[in-house]
Amino acid sequence: MCVKYLRIILLWVVLLPFVVKAQPVSVSLDIPEYVVFAGDTLDIRRYDLRERYDREQLSFMYMHSSSLQIVRRANRYFPIIEPILKREGVPDDFKYLAVIESSLNPLAYSPAKAAGMWQFLGSTGKEYGLEVNDEVDERYHVEKATVAACRYLKDARERLGSWVNAAAAYNAGLNRISSEQEKQRVESALDMRLVSETSRYVFRIMAAKAFLEDPQKFGFYLKKEHFYHHIRVKEVEVSGVVEDWAVWCERYGLTYAQLKDFNPWLRGRGLKNERGRRYVLLLPLVEDLYYSPEKVRIHYAGWVGE
């Protein structure tokens, strides 16, 4: 028995240098001197700005499973978000705000009770035109919540003077950033002493942009077939009462679960619709429910590694 263990130990002594040499090593990314955000070129050479940016880009580099999921979701949701930002007059870079808020998960729900891809609190969602109740919660409606987020950001920019400040206010609130401008006698949120989450917030957006513009730089290589395939949908209008969504789905050959996947803003088992509102539901085409590589569409060619 001792001879057997001795042979194993000797074998490891011989092989160890090769095993260690073969292991992947951690690498550090270059830190840029300037970053472009929402049309403005930001100088981040100052020690604190530089280190804050570096922290966030390293986070994207080393939280592997989450970062990979973000790229896949971006391929699905950026084609929806981008036209709305453009139409509403909000810089395209704010799609990366949704990335850091929810990892582009339309079902995200926080301990603070913020919901949806844009993480609206119930009161704020209502303030910006979203219906929020036990049956319908439009914080989970990607298109409508994106419009509401645009309106909030435009209000914040008008009040606080810049898109950077608007981004910070999305996390800390309009009143907090406005108050700190006065108390700390600085204009930019990047120059303020804020709680850690808000201090990191804008840099997380910048790092998300850098990551999704060039995931290979961060060490992520995806093939086209790794992405989720495109599922076509049809619109169906509902303006009355629905007693049971599961029964309603049967006429379309879909399950209750599939209905909720494509319309997560439907929160109840049915719809009383006491105000007689008109709702447009998205129903997936049954023939598209199963994966096929031919149905994969890549929104941004840079996401596919060589």
C-alpha atoms as a PDB file:
ATOM      1  CA  MET A   1       0.000   0.000   0.000  1.00  0.00           C
ATOM      2  CA  CYS A   2       2.824   2.423   0.872  1.00  0.00           C
ATOM      3  CA  VAL A   3       4.553   1.696  -2.438  1.00  0.00           C
ATOM      4  CA  LYS A   4       1.318   2.455  -4.301  1.00  0.00           C
ATOM      5  CA  TYR A   5       0.925   5.856  -2.619  1.00  0.00           C
ATOM      6  CA  LEU A   6       4.602   6.615  -3.183  1.00  0.00           C
ATOM      7  CA  ARG A   7       4.164   6.020  -6.917  1.00  0.00           C
ATOM      8  CA  ILE A   8       1.136   8.346  -6.999  1.00  0.00           C
ATOM      9  CA  ILE A   9       3.089  11.070  -5.209  1.00  0.00           C
ATOM     10  CA  LEU A  10       6.021  10.726  -7.582  1.00  0.00           C
ATOM     11  CA  LEU A  11       3.684  10.862 -10.568  1.00  0.00           C
ATOM     12  CA  TRP A  12       2.185  14.131  -9.271  1.00  0.00           C
ATOM     13  CA  VAL A  13       5.649  15.583  -8.722  1.00  0.00           C
ATOM     14  CA  VAL A  14       6.468  14.858 -12.360  1.00  0.00           C
ATOM     15  CA  LEU A  15       3.163  16.108 -13.778  1.00  0.00           C
ATOM     16  CA  LEU A  16       2.566  19.106 -11.509  1.00  0.00           C
ATOM     17  CA  PRO A  17       4.592  21.626 -13.547  1.00  0.00           C
ATOM     18  CA  PHE A  18       2.619  20.726 -16.678  1.00  0.00           C
ATOM     19  CA  VAL A  19      -0.749  20.842 -14.886  1.00  0.00           C
ATOM     20  CA  VAL A  20      -0.037  24.225 -13.349  1.00  0.00           C
ATOM     21  CA  LYS A  21       1.252  25.577 -16.632  1.00  0.00           C
ATOM     22  CA  ALA A  22      -1.943  24.502 -18.391  1.00  0.00           C
ATOM     23  CA  GLN A  23      -4.263  26.327 -16.009  1.00  0.00           C
ATOM     24  CA  PRO A  24      -5.821  29.584 -17.235  1.00  0.00           C
ATOM     25  CA  VAL A  25      -4.419  32.670 -15.575  1.00  0.00           C
ATOM     26  CA  SER A  26      -6.244  35.771 -14.433  1.00  0.00           C
ATOM     27  CA  VAL A  27      -5.563  38.786 -16.581  1.00  0.00           C
ATOM     28  CA  SER A  28      -6.102  42.482 -16.094  1.00  0.00           C
ATOM     29  CA  LEU A  29      -7.712  44.680 -18.719  1.00  0.00           C
ATOM     30  CA  ASP A  30      -6.263  47.958 -19.897  1.00  0.00           C
ATOM     31  CA  ILE A  31      -7.955  50.971 -18.318  1.00  0.00           C
ATOM     32  CA  PRO A  32      -8.928  53.651 -20.834  1.00  0.00           C
ATOM     33  CA  GLU A  33      -8.118  57.304 -20.310  1.00  0.00           C
ATOM     34  CA  TYR A  34     -11.421  58.463 -21.743  1.00  0.00           C
ATOM     35  CA  VAL A  35     -14.871  56.903 -21.942  1.00  0.00           C
ATOM     36  CA  VAL A  36     -17.730  58.069 -24.164  1.00  0.00           C
ATOM     37  CA  PHE A  37     -21.119  57.999 -22.471  1.00  0.00           C
ATOM     38  CA  ALA A  38     -24.357  59.435 -23.864  1.00  0.00           C
ATOM     39  CA  GLY A  39     -22.429  61.563 -26.342  1.00  0.00           C
ATOM     40  CA  ASP A  40     -20.027  63.048 -23.794  1.00  0.00           C
ATOM     41  CA  THR A  41     -16.339  62.168 -23.583  1.00  0.00           C
ATOM     42  CA  LEU A  42     -15.442  61.650 -19.932  1.00  0.00           C
ATOM     43  CA  ASP A  43     -11.873  61.984 -18.681  1.00  0.00           C
ATOM     44  CA  ILE A  44     -11.316  59.152 -16.199  1.00  0.00           C
ATOM     45  CA  ARG A  45      -7.572  59.573 -15.688  1.00  0.00           C
ATOM     46  CA  ARG A  46      -8.111  60.898 -12.153  1.00  0.00           C
ATOM     47  CA  TYR A  47      -7.164  58.202  -9.641  1.00  0.00           C
ATOM     48  CA  ASP A  48     -10.639  57.625  -8.151  1.00  0.00           C
ATOM     49  CA  LEU A  49     -12.491  57.597 -11.472  1.00  0.00           C
ATOM     50  CA  ARG A  50      -9.913  55.263 -12.981  1.00  0.00           C
ATOM     51  CA  GLU A  51     -10.085  52.799 -10.110  1.00  0.00           C
ATOM     52  CA  ARG A  52     -13.882  52.847  -9.981  1.00  0.00           C
ATOM     53  CA  TYR A  53     -14.103  52.066 -13.687  1.00  0.00           C
ATOM     54  CA  ASP A  54     -11.542  49.279 -13.381  1.00  0.00           C
ATOM     55  CA  ARG A  55     -13.481  47.617 -10.584  1.00  0.00           C
ATOM     56  CA  GLU A  56     -16.597  47.400 -12.717  1.00  0.00           C
ATOM     57  CA  GLN A  57     -14.943  46.097 -15.869  1.00  0.00           C
ATOM     58  CA  LEU A  58     -13.281  43.363 -13.819  1.00  0.00           C
ATOM     59  CA  SER A  59     -16.688  42.412 -12.441  1.00  0.00           C
ATOM     60  CA  PHE A  60     -18.001  41.751 -15.942  1.00  0.00           C
ATOM     61  CA  MET A  61     -14.866  39.809 -16.780  1.00  0.00           C
ATOM     62  CA  TYR A  62     -15.050  37.418 -13.855  1.00  0.00           C
ATOM     63  CA  MET A  63     -18.779  36.863 -13.187  1.00  0.00           C
ATOM     64  CA  HIS A  64     -18.800  34.392 -16.061  1.00  0.00           C
ATOM     65  CA  SER A  65     -22.250  32.789 -16.024  1.00  0.00           C
ATOM     66  CA  SER A  66     -24.058  36.098 -15.520  1.00  0.00           C
ATOM     67  CA  SER A  67     -22.034  37.857 -18.227  1.00  0.00           C
ATOM     68  CA  LEU A  68     -22.727  35.116 -20.763  1.00  0.00           C
ATOM     69  CA  GLN A  69     -26.442  35.288 -19.995  1.00  0.00           C
ATOM     70  CA  ILE A  70     -26.401  39.053 -20.471  1.00  0.00           C
ATOM     71  CA  VAL A  71     -25.001  38.734 -24.008  1.00  0.00           C
ATOM     72  CA  ARG A  72     -27.693  36.232 -24.937  1.00  0.00           C
ATOM     73  CA  ARG A  73     -30.449  38.379 -23.482  1.00  0.00           C
ATOM     74  CA  ALA A  74     -29.079  41.492 -25.188  1.00  0.00           C
ATOM     75  CA  ASN A  75     -29.532  39.723 -28.507  1.00  0.00           C
ATOM     76  CA  ARG A  76     -33.205  39.281 -27.647  1.00  0.00           C
ATOM     77  CA  TYR A  77     -34.038  42.602 -25.981  1.00  0.00           C
ATOM     78  CA  PHE A  78     -31.787  45.277 -27.503  1.00  0.00           C
ATOM     79  CA  PRO A  79     -33.789  45.154 -30.780  1.00  0.00           C
ATOM     80  CA  ILE A  80     -36.839  46.091 -28.677  1.00  0.00           C
ATOM     81  CA  ILE A  81     -35.193  48.710 -26.457  1.00  0.00           C
ATOM     82  CA  GLU A  82     -33.072  50.598 -28.984  1.00  0.00           C
ATOM     83  CA  PRO A  83     -35.904  51.944 -31.208  1.00  0.00           C
ATOM     84  CA  ILE A  84     -37.793  53.167 -28.132  1.00  0.00           C
ATOM     85  CA  LEU A  85     -34.772  55.060 -26.808  1.00  0.00           C
ATOM     86  CA  LYS A  86     -34.300  56.657 -30.219  1.00  0.00           C
ATOM     87  CA  ARG A  87     -37.959  57.599 -30.539  1.00  0.00           C
ATOM     88  CA  GLU A  88     -38.023  59.082 -27.033  1.00  0.00           C
ATOM     89  CA  GLY A  89     -34.849  61.116 -27.558  1.00  0.00           C
ATOM     90  CA  VAL A  90     -32.738  59.280 -24.991  1.00  0.00           C
ATOM     91  CA  PRO A  91     -29.121  58.307 -25.820  1.00  0.00           C
ATOM     92  CA  ASP A  92     -28.661  54.721 -26.935  1.00  0.00           C
ATOM     93  CA  ASP A  93     -26.147  54.137 -24.126  1.00  0.00           C
ATOM     94  CA  PHE A  94     -28.992  53.968 -21.637  1.00  0.00           C
ATOM     95  CA  LYS A  95     -29.808  50.464 -22.792  1.00  0.00           C
ATOM     96  CA  TYR A  96     -26.828  49.510 -20.644  1.00  0.00           C
ATOM     97  CA  LEU A  97     -28.631  50.922 -17.624  1.00  0.00           C
ATOM     98  CA  ALA A  98     -31.173  48.121 -18.024  1.00  0.00           C
ATOM     99  CA  VAL A  99     -28.246  45.691 -18.125  1.00  0.00           C
ATOM    100  CA  ILE A 100     -26.977  46.682 -14.688  1.00  0.00           C
ATOM    101  CA  GLU A 101     -30.446  47.096 -13.202  1.00  0.00           C
ATOM    102  CA  SER A 102     -31.712  43.618 -14.020  1.00  0.00           C
ATOM    103  CA  SER A 103     -29.192  41.769 -16.227  1.00  0.00           C
ATOM    104  CA  LEU A 104     -31.938  42.269 -18.850  1.00  0.00           C
ATOM    105  CA  ASN A 105     -34.252  39.948 -16.965  1.00  0.00           C
ATOM    106  CA  PRO A 106     -37.857  41.129 -17.475  1.00  0.00           C
ATOM    107  CA  LEU A 107     -38.924  39.134 -14.386  1.00  0.00           C
ATOM    108  CA  ALA A 108     -36.384  40.699 -12.021  1.00  0.00           C
ATOM    109  CA  TYR A 109     -37.679  41.590  -8.556  1.00  0.00           C
ATOM    110  CA  SER A 110     -35.556  43.167  -5.851  1.00  0.00           C
ATOM    111  CA  PRO A 111     -35.733  43.049  -2.033  1.00  0.00           C
ATOM    112  CA  ALA A 112     -36.752  46.727  -2.242  1.00  0.00           C
ATOM    113  CA  LYS A 113     -39.805  45.610  -4.304  1.00  0.00           C
ATOM    114  CA  ALA A 114     -38.527  47.101  -7.560  1.00  0.00           C
ATOM    115  CA  ALA A 115     -39.752  45.080 -10.513  1.00  0.00           C
ATOM    116  CA  GLY A 116     -39.060  44.369 -14.155  1.00  0.00           C
ATOM    117  CA  MET A 117     -36.162  44.991 -16.466  1.00  0.00           C
ATOM    118  CA  TRP A 118     -35.989  48.682 -15.495  1.00  0.00           C
ATOM    119  CA  GLN A 119     -36.590  48.003 -11.792  1.00  0.00           C
ATOM    120  CA  PHE A 120     -39.387  50.453 -11.087  1.00  0.00           C
ATOM    121  CA  LEU A 121     -40.884  50.788  -7.635  1.00  0.00           C
ATOM    122  CA  GLY A 122     -44.655  50.600  -7.728  1.00  0.00           C
ATOM    123  CA  SER A 123     -45.155  54.270  -6.871  1.00  0.00           C
ATOM    124  CA  THR A 124     -42.633  55.484  -9.440  1.00  0.00           C
ATOM    125  CA  GLY A 125     -44.058  53.206 -12.102  1.00  0.00           C
ATOM    126  CA  LYS A 126     -47.536  54.652 -11.572  1.00  0.00           C
ATOM    127  CA  GLU A 127     -46.125  58.179 -11.605  1.00  0.00           C
ATOM    128  CA  TYR A 128     -44.691  57.527 -15.066  1.00  0.00           C
ATOM    129  CA  GLY A 129     -47.820  55.992 -16.532  1.00  0.00           C
ATOM    130  CA  LEU A 130     -47.569  52.267 -15.771  1.00  0.00           C
ATOM    131  CA  GLU A 131     -50.522  50.245 -14.534  1.00  0.00           C
ATOM    132  CA  VAL A 132     -49.572  48.402 -11.345  1.00  0.00           C
ATOM    133  CA  ASN A 133     -52.058  46.139  -9.558  1.00  0.00           C
ATOM    134  CA  ASP A 134     -52.688  42.487  -8.715  1.00  0.00           C
ATOM    135  CA  GLU A 135     -53.845  41.597 -12.234  1.00  0.00           C
ATOM    136  CA  VAL A 136     -51.671  43.794 -14.438  1.00  0.00           C
ATOM    137  CA  ASP A 137     -48.195  45.074 -13.589  1.00  0.00           C
ATOM    138  CA  GLU A 138     -46.679  46.924 -16.519  1.00  0.00           C
ATOM    139  CA  ARG A 139     -43.320  47.209 -14.789  1.00  0.00           C
ATOM    140  CA  TYR A 140     -42.852  43.754 -16.339  1.00  0.00           C
ATOM    141  CA  HIS A 141     -43.907  45.004 -19.787  1.00  0.00           C
ATOM    142  CA  VAL A 142     -40.603  45.569 -21.601  1.00  0.00           C
ATOM    143  CA  GLU A 143     -41.853  48.130 -24.107  1.00  0.00           C
ATOM    144  CA  LYS A 144     -44.019  50.173 -21.730  1.00  0.00           C
ATOM    145  CA  ALA A 145     -41.446  50.113 -18.935  1.00  0.00           C
ATOM    146  CA  THR A 146     -38.774  51.293 -21.381  1.00  0.00           C
ATOM    147  CA  VAL A 147     -40.952  54.275 -22.319  1.00  0.00           C
ATOM    148  CA  ALA A 148     -41.476  55.063 -18.629  1.00  0.00           C
ATOM    149  CA  ALA A 149     -37.721  54.840 -17.982  1.00  0.00           C
ATOM    150  CA  CYS A 150     -37.085  57.260 -20.843  1.00  0.00           C
ATOM    151  CA  ARG A 151     -39.502  59.769 -19.375  1.00  0.00           C
ATOM    152  CA  TYR A 152     -37.854  59.525 -15.972  1.00  0.00           C
ATOM    153  CA  LEU A 153     -34.376  59.996 -17.455  1.00  0.00           C
ATOM    154  CA  LYS A 154     -35.452  63.016 -19.494  1.00  0.00           C
ATOM    155  CA  ASP A 155     -36.976  64.601 -16.406  1.00  0.00           C
ATOM    156  CA  ALA A 156     -33.778  63.907 -14.482  1.00  0.00           C
ATOM    157  CA  ARG A 157     -31.551  65.371 -17.160  1.00  0.00           C
ATOM    158  CA  GLU A 158     -33.634  68.528 -17.400  1.00  0.00           C
ATOM    159  CA  ARG A 159     -33.470  69.019 -13.650  1.00  0.00           C
ATOM    160  CA  LEU A 160     -29.884  67.927 -12.990  1.00  0.00           C
ATOM    161  CA  GLY A 161     -28.121  69.217 -16.094  1.00  0.00           C
ATOM    162  CA  SER A 162     -26.506  66.140 -17.636  1.00  0.00           C
ATOM    163  CA  TRP A 163     -27.108  62.560 -18.703  1.00  0.00           C
ATOM    164  CA  VAL A 164     -24.469  61.370 -16.224  1.00  0.00           C
ATOM    165  CA  ASN A 165     -26.432  62.940 -13.388  1.00  0.00           C
ATOM    166  CA  ALA A 166     -29.653  61.483 -14.793  1.00  0.00           C
ATOM    167  CA  ALA A 167     -28.075  58.026 -14.700  1.00  0.00           C
ATOM    168  CA  ALA A 168     -26.972  58.502 -11.090  1.00  0.00           C
ATOM    169  CA  ALA A 169     -30.441  59.755 -10.176  1.00  0.00           C
ATOM    170  CA  TYR A 170     -31.976  56.577 -11.562  1.00  0.00           C
ATOM    171  CA  ASN A 171     -30.267  54.805  -8.688  1.00  0.00           C
ATOM    172  CA  ALA A 172     -30.280  57.423  -5.923  1.00  0.00           C
ATOM    173  CA  GLY A 173     -33.315  59.504  -6.816  1.00  0.00           C
ATOM    174  CA  LEU A 174     -33.700  62.991  -8.238  1.00  0.00           C
ATOM    175  CA  ASN A 175     -33.868  64.715  -4.875  1.00  0.00           C
ATOM    176  CA  ARG A 176     -30.733  63.037  -3.540  1.00  0.00           C
ATOM    177  CA  ILE A 177     -28.515  64.045  -6.467  1.00  0.00           C
ATOM    178  CA  SER A 178     -29.988  67.545  -6.543  1.00  0.00           C
ATOM    179  CA  SER A 179     -29.405  67.937  -2.805  1.00  0.00           C
ATOM    180  CA  GLU A 180     -25.814  66.680  -3.022  1.00  0.00           C
ATOM    181  CA  GLN A 181     -25.068  69.094  -5.851  1.00  0.00           C
ATOM    182  CA  GLU A 182     -25.821  71.905  -3.451  1.00  0.00           C
ATOM    183  CA  LYS A 183     -24.264  70.400  -0.327  1.00  0.00           C
ATOM    184  CA  GLN A 184     -21.015  69.236  -1.943  1.00  0.00           C
ATOM    185  CA  ARG A 185     -20.777  72.243  -4.285  1.00  0.00           C
ATOM    186  CA  VAL A 186     -20.130  70.142  -7.396  1.00  0.00           C
ATOM    187  CA  GLU A 187     -22.174  69.659 -10.548  1.00  0.00           C
ATOM    188  CA  SER A 188     -21.328  66.103 -11.626  1.00  0.00           C
ATOM    189  CA  ALA A 189     -22.383  63.000  -9.724  1.00  0.00           C
ATOM    190  CA  LEU A 190     -18.952  61.560 -10.577  1.00  0.00           C
ATOM    191  CA  ASP A 191     -17.397  64.137  -8.249  1.00  0.00           C
ATOM    192  CA  MET A 192     -19.739  63.463  -5.331  1.00  0.00           C
ATOM    193  CA  ARG A 193     -19.227  61.411  -2.210  1.00  0.00           C
ATOM    194  CA  LEU A 194     -22.177  59.032  -2.386  1.00  0.00           C
ATOM    195  CA  VAL A 195     -23.163  55.661  -0.967  1.00  0.00           C
ATOM    196  CA  SER A 196     -21.211  52.804  -2.520  1.00  0.00           C
ATOM    197  CA  GLU A 197     -24.009  51.574  -4.792  1.00  0.00           C
ATOM    198  CA  THR A 198     -24.586  54.990  -6.346  1.00  0.00           C
ATOM    199  CA  SER A 199     -20.874  55.764  -6.511  1.00  0.00           C
ATOM    200  CA  ARG A 200     -20.393  52.621  -8.597  1.00  0.00           C
ATOM    201  CA  TYR A 201     -23.558  52.997 -10.658  1.00  0.00           C
ATOM    202  CA  VAL A 202     -22.488  55.111 -13.642  1.00  0.00           C
ATOM    203  CA  PHE A 203     -19.205  53.206 -13.915  1.00  0.00           C
ATOM    204  CA  ARG A 204     -21.126  49.945 -14.030  1.00  0.00           C
ATOM    205  CA  ILE A 205     -23.094  51.336 -16.985  1.00  0.00           C
ATOM    206  CA  MET A 206     -19.854  52.327 -18.740  1.00  0.00           C
ATOM    207  CA  ALA A 207     -18.335  48.903 -18.084  1.00  0.00           C
ATOM    208  CA  ALA A 208     -21.483  47.180 -19.367  1.00  0.00           C
ATOM    209  CA  LYS A 209     -21.129  49.187 -22.567  1.00  0.00           C
ATOM    210  CA  ALA A 210     -17.471  48.218 -22.971  1.00  0.00           C
ATOM    211  CA  PHE A 211     -18.289  44.564 -22.311  1.00  0.00           C
ATOM    212  CA  LEU A 212     -21.196  44.331 -24.743  1.00  0.00           C
ATOM    213  CA  GLU A 213     -19.361  46.231 -27.467  1.00  0.00           C
ATOM    214  CA  ASP A 214     -16.447  43.781 -27.347  1.00  0.00           C
ATOM    215  CA  PRO A 215     -17.025  40.651 -25.220  1.00  0.00           C
ATOM    216  CA  GLN A 216     -13.959  38.971 -26.761  1.00  0.00           C
ATOM    217  CA  LYS A 217     -11.777  41.607 -25.099  1.00  0.00           C
ATOM    218  CA  PHE A 218     -13.177  40.328 -21.803  1.00  0.00           C
ATOM    219  CA  GLY A 219     -12.478  36.715 -22.738  1.00  0.00           C
ATOM    220  CA  PHE A 220     -15.969  35.693 -23.859  1.00  0.00           C
ATOM    221  CA  TYR A 221     -16.342  33.859 -27.165  1.00  0.00           C
ATOM    222  CA  LEU A 222     -19.815  32.791 -28.276  1.00  0.00           C
ATOM    223  CA  LYS A 223     -20.868  30.932 -31.384  1.00  0.00           C
ATOM    224  CA  LYS A 224     -24.003  31.850 -33.276  1.00  0.00           C
ATOM    225  CA  GLU A 225     -25.692  28.617 -32.217  1.00  0.00           C
ATOM    226  CA  HIS A 226     -25.150  29.522 -28.545  1.00  0.00           C
ATOM    227  CA  PHE A 227     -27.705  32.314 -28.786  1.00  0.00           C
ATOM    228  CA  TYR A 228     -31.428  31.947 -28.207  1.00  0.00           C
ATOM    229  CA  HIS A 229     -33.419  31.659 -31.386  1.00  0.00           C
ATOM    230  CA  HIS A 230     -35.905  34.239 -32.606  1.00  0.00           C
ATOM    231  CA  ILE A 231     -39.521  33.436 -31.797  1.00  0.00           C
ATOM    232  CA  ARG A 232     -42.119  35.158 -33.917  1.00  0.00           C
ATOM    233  CA  VAL A 233     -45.245  36.438 -32.186  1.00  0.00           C
ATOM    234  CA  LYS A 234     -48.692  37.600 -33.128  1.00  0.00           C
ATOM    235  CA  GLU A 235     -50.715  40.255 -31.350  1.00  0.00           C
ATOM    236  CA  VAL A 236     -54.100  39.445 -29.841  1.00  0.00           C
ATOM    237  CA  GLU A 237     -56.283  42.151 -28.350  1.00  0.00           C
ATOM    238  CA  VAL A 238     -58.225  41.620 -25.140  1.00  0.00           C
ATOM    239  CA  SER A 239     -60.708  44.247 -23.983  1.00  0.00           C
ATOM    240  CA  GLY A 240     -63.119  42.262 -21.833  1.00  0.00           C
ATOM    241  CA  VAL A 241     -63.116  39.864 -18.904  1.00  0.00           C
ATOM    242  CA  VAL A 242     -61.025  36.688 -18.884  1.00  0.00           C
ATOM    243  CA  GLU A 243     -62.136  34.238 -16.231  1.00  0.00           C
ATOM    244  CA  ASP A 244     -59.182  31.880 -16.550  1.00  0.00           C
ATOM    245  CA  TRP A 245     -56.070  32.468 -18.634  1.00  0.00           C
ATOM    246  CA  ALA A 246     -55.291  28.739 -18.769  1.00  0.00           C
ATOM    247  CA  VAL A 247     -58.661  28.064 -20.433  1.00  0.00           C
ATOM    248  CA  TRP A 248     -58.221  31.107 -22.694  1.00  0.00           C
ATOM    249  CA  CYS A 249     -54.862  29.761 -23.924  1.00  0.00           C
ATOM    250  CA  GLU A 250     -56.322  26.488 -25.142  1.00  0.00           C
ATOM    251  CA  ARG A 251     -57.854  28.077 -28.229  1.00  0.00           C
ATOM    252  CA  TYR A 252     -54.377  29.129 -29.347  1.00  0.00           C
ATOM    253  CA  GLY A 253     -52.643  25.819 -28.599  1.00  0.00           C
ATOM    254  CA  LEU A 254     -50.485  27.376 -25.884  1.00  0.00           C
ATOM    255  CA  THR A 255     -49.975  26.697 -22.202  1.00  0.00           C
ATOM    256  CA  TYR A 256     -50.589  29.105 -19.343  1.00  0.00           C
ATOM    257  CA  ALA A 257     -46.820  29.103 -18.691  1.00  0.00           C
ATOM    258  CA  GLN A 258     -46.069  30.108 -22.278  1.00  0.00           C
ATOM    259  CA  LEU A 259     -48.596  32.941 -22.104  1.00  0.00           C
ATOM    260  CA  LYS A 260     -46.862  34.277 -18.980  1.00  0.00           C
ATOM    261  CA  ASP A 261     -43.405  33.914 -20.557  1.00  0.00           C
ATOM    262  CA  PHE A 262     -44.362  36.282 -23.368  1.00  0.00           C
ATOM    263  CA  ASN A 263     -46.623  38.526 -21.273  1.00  0.00           C
ATOM    264  CA  PRO A 264     -45.055  38.623 -17.795  1.00  0.00           C
ATOM    265  CA  TRP A 265     -47.037  41.757 -16.973  1.00  0.00           C
ATOM    266  CA  LEU A 266     -50.144  39.573 -16.601  1.00  0.00           C
ATOM    267  CA  ARG A 267     -50.022  38.821 -12.878  1.00  0.00           C
ATOM    268  CA  GLY A 268     -53.347  37.174 -12.082  1.00  0.00           C
ATOM    269  CA  ARG A 269     -55.005  33.906 -13.075  1.00  0.00           C
ATOM    270  CA  GLY A 270     -57.659  35.883 -14.897  1.00  0.00           C
ATOM    271  CA  LEU A 271     -58.577  39.451 -15.807  1.00  0.00           C
ATOM    272  CA  LYS A 272     -61.513  41.288 -14.264  1.00  0.00           C
ATOM    273  CA  ASN A 273     -60.763  44.388 -16.327  1.00  0.00           C
ATOM    274  CA  GLU A 274     -63.261  46.497 -14.421  1.00  0.00           C
ATOM    275  CA  ARG A 275     -62.270  49.628 -16.355  1.00  0.00           C
ATOM    276  CA  GLY A 276     -62.722  47.953 -19.730  1.00  0.00           C
ATOM    277  CA  ARG A 277     -59.185  48.614 -20.833  1.00  0.00           C
ATOM    278  CA  ARG A 278     -57.688  47.314 -24.052  1.00  0.00           C
ATOM    279  CA  TYR A 279     -54.642  45.074 -23.739  1.00  0.00           C
ATOM    280  CA  VAL A 280     -52.446  43.690 -26.497  1.00  0.00           C
ATOM    281  CA  LEU A 281     -50.979  40.269 -25.783  1.00  0.00           C
ATOM    282  CA  LEU A 282     -48.047  38.684 -27.596  1.00  0.00           C
ATOM    283  CA  LEU A 283     -48.566  35.043 -28.462  1.00  0.00           C
ATOM    284  CA  PRO A 284     -45.684  32.950 -29.812  1.00  0.00           C
ATOM    285  CA  LEU A 285     -46.189  31.058 -33.016  1.00  0.00           C
ATOM    286  CA  VAL A 286     -46.382  27.387 -32.104  1.00  0.00           C
ATOM    287  CA  GLU A 287     -44.000  26.400 -34.910  1.00  0.00           C
ATOM    288  CA  ASP A 288     -41.282  28.607 -33.397  1.00  0.00           C
ATOM    289  CA  LEU A 289     -41.341  27.173 -29.889  1.00  0.00           C
ATOM    290  CA  TYR A 290     -38.609  24.623 -30.603  1.00  0.00           C
ATOM    291  CA  TYR A 291     -34.997  25.584 -31.134  1.00  0.00           C
ATOM    292  CA  SER A 292     -33.513  25.590 -34.602  1.00  0.00           C
ATOM    293  CA  PRO A 293     -30.131  27.157 -35.455  1.00  0.00           C
ATOM    294  CA  GLU A 294     -31.653  28.547 -38.658  1.00  0.00           C
ATOM    295  CA  LYS A 295     -33.890  30.760 -36.521  1.00  0.00           C
ATOM    296  CA  VAL A 296     -31.006  32.384 -34.645  1.00  0.00           C
ATOM    297  CA  ARG A 297     -30.523  36.044 -35.545  1.00  0.00           C
ATOM    298  CA  ILE A 298     -27.535  38.019 -34.294  1.00  0.00           C
ATOM    299  CA  HIS A 299     -28.352  41.659 -33.545  1.00  0.00           C
ATOM    300  CA  TYR A 300     -24.727  42.759 -33.276  1.00  0.00           C
ATOM    301  CA  ALA A 301     -21.992  40.899 -35.161  1.00  0.00           C
ATOM    302  CA  GLY A 302     -19.426  41.708 -32.464  1.00  0.00           C
ATOM    303  CA  TRP A 303     -21.100  39.282 -30.069  1.00  0.00           C
ATOM    304  CA  VAL A 304     -19.972  36.277 -32.082  1.00  0.00           C
ATOM    305  CA  GLY A 305     -16.356  35.310 -31.463  1.00  0.00           C
ATOM    306  CA  GLU A 306     -14.090  33.914 -34.132  1.00  0.00           C
END
